[in-house]
Amino acid sequence: MAQDNQEPARQSPPQTPPPPQNPEKPPEDWATGNEPMTGPQRSYLQTLCREAGEEFNEKLTKAEASKKIDELQKKTGRGR
C-alpha cells in the first residue's frame, strides 16, 4: 500500500481587523493648537496669502494657521 505524503491541512492564523484609523481632530482640539504656527505652515500660508491677495498674519497659532490654510486652499484652488 502506498503511503500518503500529503501534509495535514494548515490552518491560517486568525485574521485580526486593521486598527481603527484616528479620526482627524479639529484644530481647536489639538493639544498644541495654541502654540505658534510651524515653519512649514508659515511658508505655505505666506504663499497662499500672496496668491489670494490677502494679508499674512504672522501671529496665528498652529490651529488658526491650519484653518486659514484650509480656507485659502479652497479660495485659490490649491491643495486637496
Protein backbone atom coordinates (compact mmCIF):
# COMPACT_ATOMS: atom_id res chain seq x y z
CA MET A 1 0.00 0.00 0.00
CA ALA A 2 1.34 3.44 -0.93
CA GLN A 3 1.96 5.97 1.79
CA ASP A 4 0.08 9.25 1.60
CA ASN A 5 2.72 12.02 1.52
CA GLN A 6 0.27 14.86 1.91
CA GLU A 7 0.81 17.25 4.80
CA PRO A 8 -2.09 17.84 7.14
CA ALA A 9 -4.12 20.91 6.25
CA ARG A 10 -2.62 24.02 7.81
CA GLN A 11 -4.90 26.47 9.45
CA SER A 12 -4.38 30.14 8.79
CA PRO A 13 -3.82 32.29 11.85
CA PRO A 14 -6.95 34.19 12.83
CA GLN A 15 -7.32 37.41 10.91
CA THR A 16 -7.26 40.50 13.07
CA PRO A 17 -9.05 43.57 11.82
CA PRO A 18 -6.87 46.56 11.00
CA PRO A 19 -6.54 49.08 13.81
CA PRO A 20 -9.13 51.84 13.61
CA GLN A 21 -7.87 54.99 11.99
CA ASN A 22 -7.74 58.01 14.21
CA PRO A 23 -10.34 60.49 13.10
CA GLU A 24 -8.85 63.86 12.35
CA LYS A 25 -9.27 66.17 15.31
CA PRO A 26 -10.49 69.67 14.65
CA PRO A 27 -7.62 72.16 15.09
CA GLU A 28 -9.27 73.78 18.11
CA ASP A 29 -8.96 70.40 19.91
CA TRP A 30 -5.23 69.95 19.23
CA ALA A 31 -3.11 69.72 22.37
CA THR A 32 -0.54 72.02 20.72
CA GLY A 33 -3.04 74.18 18.85
CA ASN A 34 -2.21 77.29 20.89
CA GLU A 35 1.49 77.14 20.04
CA PRO A 36 2.90 79.41 17.32
CA MET A 37 2.47 78.11 13.78
CA THR A 38 5.20 75.86 12.45
CA GLY A 39 7.79 76.90 9.89
CA PRO A 40 6.14 74.87 7.10
CA GLN A 41 2.73 76.35 7.97
CA ARG A 42 4.21 79.86 7.86
CA SER A 43 5.83 79.33 4.48
CA TYR A 44 2.78 77.75 2.85
CA LEU A 45 0.42 80.30 4.38
CA GLN A 46 2.56 83.16 3.05
CA THR A 47 2.33 81.65 -0.43
CA LEU A 48 -1.45 81.16 -0.16
CA CYS A 49 -1.98 84.69 1.17
CA ARG A 50 0.04 86.13 -1.70
CA GLU A 51 -1.95 84.11 -4.27
CA ALA A 52 -5.28 85.02 -2.65
CA GLY A 53 -4.37 88.70 -2.30
CA GLU A 54 -4.76 88.55 1.47
CA GLU A 55 -2.57 89.91 4.22
CA PHE A 56 -0.39 87.39 6.07
CA ASN A 57 -0.87 87.35 9.85
CA GLU A 58 2.37 86.16 11.45
CA LYS A 59 0.79 85.83 14.91
CA LEU A 60 -1.52 82.91 14.12
CA THR A 61 -1.38 79.79 16.29
CA LYS A 62 -0.97 76.31 14.81
CA ALA A 63 -4.73 75.77 14.94
CA GLU A 64 -5.56 79.16 13.44
CA ALA A 65 -2.97 78.70 10.70
CA SER A 66 -4.41 75.29 9.84
CA LYS A 67 -7.91 76.74 9.48
CA LYS A 68 -6.62 79.65 7.39
CA ILE A 69 -4.70 77.27 5.13
CA ASP A 70 -7.89 75.23 4.54
CA GLU A 71 -9.81 78.41 3.78
CA LEU A 72 -7.21 79.74 1.36
CA GLN A 73 -6.76 76.39 -0.37
CA LYS A 74 -10.44 76.49 -1.26
CA LYS A 75 -10.18 80.09 -2.36
CA THR A 76 -7.10 79.54 -4.53
CA GLY A 77 -7.89 76.04 -5.77
CA ARG A 78 -4.68 74.66 -4.25
CA GLY A 79 -4.31 71.65 -2.02
CA ARG A 80 -6.87 68.96 -1.64
